Amino acid sequence: MVYNLLITEKAAGQIDQLTDYLVNTLKNPDAALHFLDELDSIYQRFKTNPFQFPKASDLFLPDKEYREAILLKMSYRVIFRIEEKTVYIICVFHTLEDCLG
């Protein structure tokens, strides 16, 4: 089964902010490209089997059926939920921050 991917406005904004921070604040466009490549790799895995990822470790999220994927090389978390054939990307943030951050 192939799952559809829907990126929420919040997650899209976070991705834009992270990319902007890497490019303009840290002056590291290579890191931004690496981040986007890692994110795309996770997205491809979501499309084929999103259930391979564990339920979110945050104390408030597991009861709501949220799951998480970690971009290990860059320490970013992707929080998502699965509804029927769609994976909803809820937020993308650094592991030292929180989703609301």
C-alpha atoms as a PDB file:
ATOM      1  CA  MET A   1       0.000   0.000   0.000  1.00  0.00           C
ATOM      2  CA  VAL A   2       1.228   3.472  -0.837  1.00  0.00           C
ATOM      3  CA  TYR A   3       0.366   6.245   1.625  1.00  0.00           C
ATOM      4  CA  ASN A   4      -0.306   9.851   0.712  1.00  0.00           C
ATOM      5  CA  LEU A   5       1.747  12.513   2.448  1.00  0.00           C
ATOM      6  CA  LEU A   6       0.252  15.758   3.746  1.00  0.00           C
ATOM      7  CA  ILE A   7       2.498  18.375   5.344  1.00  0.00           C
ATOM      8  CA  THR A   8       0.597  20.671   7.699  1.00  0.00           C
ATOM      9  CA  GLU A   9       1.096  24.437   7.567  1.00  0.00           C
ATOM     10  CA  LYS A  10       2.840  24.292  10.931  1.00  0.00           C
ATOM     11  CA  ALA A  11       5.321  21.648   9.744  1.00  0.00           C
ATOM     12  CA  ALA A  12       5.936  23.483   6.450  1.00  0.00           C
ATOM     13  CA  GLY A  13       6.673  26.670   8.407  1.00  0.00           C
ATOM     14  CA  GLN A  14       9.061  24.823  10.707  1.00  0.00           C
ATOM     15  CA  ILE A  15      10.885  23.309   7.729  1.00  0.00           C
ATOM     16  CA  ASP A  16      11.207  26.765   6.158  1.00  0.00           C
ATOM     17  CA  GLN A  17      12.521  28.236   9.434  1.00  0.00           C
ATOM     18  CA  LEU A  18      15.035  25.420   9.919  1.00  0.00           C
ATOM     19  CA  THR A  19      16.276  25.731   6.350  1.00  0.00           C
ATOM     20  CA  ASP A  20      16.520  29.514   6.656  1.00  0.00           C
ATOM     21  CA  TYR A  21      18.442  29.169   9.925  1.00  0.00           C
ATOM     22  CA  LEU A  22      20.938  26.733   8.406  1.00  0.00           C
ATOM     23  CA  VAL A  23      21.473  28.831   5.270  1.00  0.00           C
ATOM     24  CA  ASN A  24      21.317  32.407   6.558  1.00  0.00           C
ATOM     25  CA  THR A  25      22.258  32.265  10.243  1.00  0.00           C
ATOM     26  CA  LEU A  26      24.800  29.453  10.220  1.00  0.00           C
ATOM     27  CA  LYS A  27      25.863  30.225   6.634  1.00  0.00           C
ATOM     28  CA  ASN A  28      25.813  26.504   5.871  1.00  0.00           C
ATOM     29  CA  PRO A  29      23.799  25.737   2.739  1.00  0.00           C
ATOM     30  CA  ASP A  30      25.316  22.235   2.631  1.00  0.00           C
ATOM     31  CA  ALA A  31      23.737  21.473   6.019  1.00  0.00           C
ATOM     32  CA  ALA A  32      20.391  22.746   4.709  1.00  0.00           C
ATOM     33  CA  LEU A  33      20.642  20.461   1.676  1.00  0.00           C
ATOM     34  CA  HIS A  34      21.599  17.552   3.896  1.00  0.00           C
ATOM     35  CA  PHE A  35      18.606  18.277   6.161  1.00  0.00           C
ATOM     36  CA  LEU A  36      16.223  18.362   3.186  1.00  0.00           C
ATOM     37  CA  ASP A  37      17.713  15.147   1.748  1.00  0.00           C
ATOM     38  CA  GLU A  38      17.312  13.356   5.092  1.00  0.00           C
ATOM     39  CA  LEU A  39      13.752  14.652   5.376  1.00  0.00           C
ATOM     40  CA  ASP A  40      12.940  13.426   1.879  1.00  0.00           C
ATOM     41  CA  SER A  41      14.346  10.008   2.752  1.00  0.00           C
ATOM     42  CA  ILE A  42      12.021   9.819   5.766  1.00  0.00           C
ATOM     43  CA  TYR A  43       9.088  10.933   3.596  1.00  0.00           C
ATOM     44  CA  GLN A  44       9.773   8.075   1.179  1.00  0.00           C
ATOM     45  CA  ARG A  45       9.703   5.623   4.069  1.00  0.00           C
ATOM     46  CA  PHE A  46       6.402   7.124   5.267  1.00  0.00           C
ATOM     47  CA  LYS A  47       4.881   6.453   1.852  1.00  0.00           C
ATOM     48  CA  THR A  48       5.694   2.752   1.946  1.00  0.00           C
ATOM     49  CA  ASN A  49       5.385   1.822   5.634  1.00  0.00           C
ATOM     50  CA  PRO A  50       4.766   4.562   8.197  1.00  0.00           C
ATOM     51  CA  PHE A  51       4.093   1.936  10.878  1.00  0.00           C
ATOM     52  CA  GLN A  52       7.804   1.100  10.987  1.00  0.00           C
ATOM     53  CA  PHE A  53       8.252   4.166  13.209  1.00  0.00           C
ATOM     54  CA  PRO A  54       7.488   4.051  16.933  1.00  0.00           C
ATOM     55  CA  LYS A  55       4.805   5.949  18.765  1.00  0.00           C
ATOM     56  CA  ALA A  56       6.031   9.360  19.877  1.00  0.00           C
ATOM     57  CA  SER A  57       8.018   9.327  23.109  1.00  0.00           C
ATOM     58  CA  ASP A  58       6.583  12.625  24.327  1.00  0.00           C
ATOM     59  CA  LEU A  59       4.424  12.036  27.407  1.00  0.00           C
ATOM     60  CA  PHE A  60       1.352  13.662  25.838  1.00  0.00           C
ATOM     61  CA  LEU A  61       1.588  12.294  22.302  1.00  0.00           C
ATOM     62  CA  PRO A  62       1.366   8.460  22.512  1.00  0.00           C
ATOM     63  CA  ASP A  63      -2.249   8.524  23.669  1.00  0.00           C
ATOM     64  CA  LYS A  64      -3.105  10.522  20.572  1.00  0.00           C
ATOM     65  CA  GLU A  65      -1.550   7.937  18.232  1.00  0.00           C
ATOM     66  CA  TYR A  66       1.247  10.231  17.087  1.00  0.00           C
ATOM     67  CA  ARG A  67       4.436   8.630  15.829  1.00  0.00           C
ATOM     68  CA  GLU A  68       7.933   9.990  15.405  1.00  0.00           C
ATOM     69  CA  ALA A  69      10.866   9.612  13.089  1.00  0.00           C
ATOM     70  CA  ILE A  70      14.340  10.852  13.934  1.00  0.00           C
ATOM     71  CA  LEU A  71      16.754  12.292  11.397  1.00  0.00           C
ATOM     72  CA  LEU A  72      19.680  10.727  13.232  1.00  0.00           C
ATOM     73  CA  LYS A  73      22.550  12.505  11.526  1.00  0.00           C
ATOM     74  CA  MET A  74      21.040  15.909  12.274  1.00  0.00           C
ATOM     75  CA  SER A  75      19.035  15.318  15.471  1.00  0.00           C
ATOM     76  CA  TYR A  76      15.656  16.437  14.160  1.00  0.00           C
ATOM     77  CA  ARG A  77      12.313  14.843  14.983  1.00  0.00           C
ATOM     78  CA  VAL A  78       9.328  14.471  12.676  1.00  0.00           C
ATOM     79  CA  ILE A  79       6.001  13.987  14.451  1.00  0.00           C
ATOM     80  CA  PHE A  80       3.224  12.505  12.339  1.00  0.00           C
ATOM     81  CA  ARG A  81      -0.034  10.616  12.482  1.00  0.00           C
ATOM     82  CA  ILE A  82      -1.611   8.097  10.156  1.00  0.00           C
ATOM     83  CA  GLU A  83      -5.241   8.249   9.117  1.00  0.00           C
ATOM     84  CA  GLU A  84      -6.378   5.616   6.650  1.00  0.00           C
ATOM     85  CA  LYS A  85      -4.081   6.072   3.618  1.00  0.00           C
ATOM     86  CA  THR A  86      -2.654   9.475   4.583  1.00  0.00           C
ATOM     87  CA  VAL A  87       0.378  10.384   6.688  1.00  0.00           C
ATOM     88  CA  TYR A  88       0.002  13.845   8.223  1.00  0.00           C
ATOM     89  CA  ILE A  89       3.282  15.580   9.085  1.00  0.00           C
ATOM     90  CA  ILE A  90       2.475  17.535  12.243  1.00  0.00           C
ATOM     91  CA  CYS A  91       5.802  19.130  13.127  1.00  0.00           C
ATOM     92  CA  VAL A  92       9.553  19.021  12.446  1.00  0.00           C
ATOM     93  CA  PHE A  93      11.969  20.285  15.096  1.00  0.00           C
ATOM     94  CA  HIS A  94      15.357  19.779  16.735  1.00  0.00           C
ATOM     95  CA  THR A  95      15.497  17.134  19.447  1.00  0.00           C
ATOM     96  CA  LEU A  96      16.487  19.797  22.016  1.00  0.00           C
ATOM     97  CA  GLU A  97      13.228  21.659  21.327  1.00  0.00           C
ATOM     98  CA  ASP A  98       9.599  20.665  21.478  1.00  0.00           C
ATOM     99  CA  CYS A  99       6.884  20.573  18.843  1.00  0.00           C
ATOM    100  CA  LEU A 100       5.343  23.810  20.074  1.00  0.00           C
ATOM    101  CA  GLY A 101       8.740  25.518  20.115  1.00  0.00           C
END
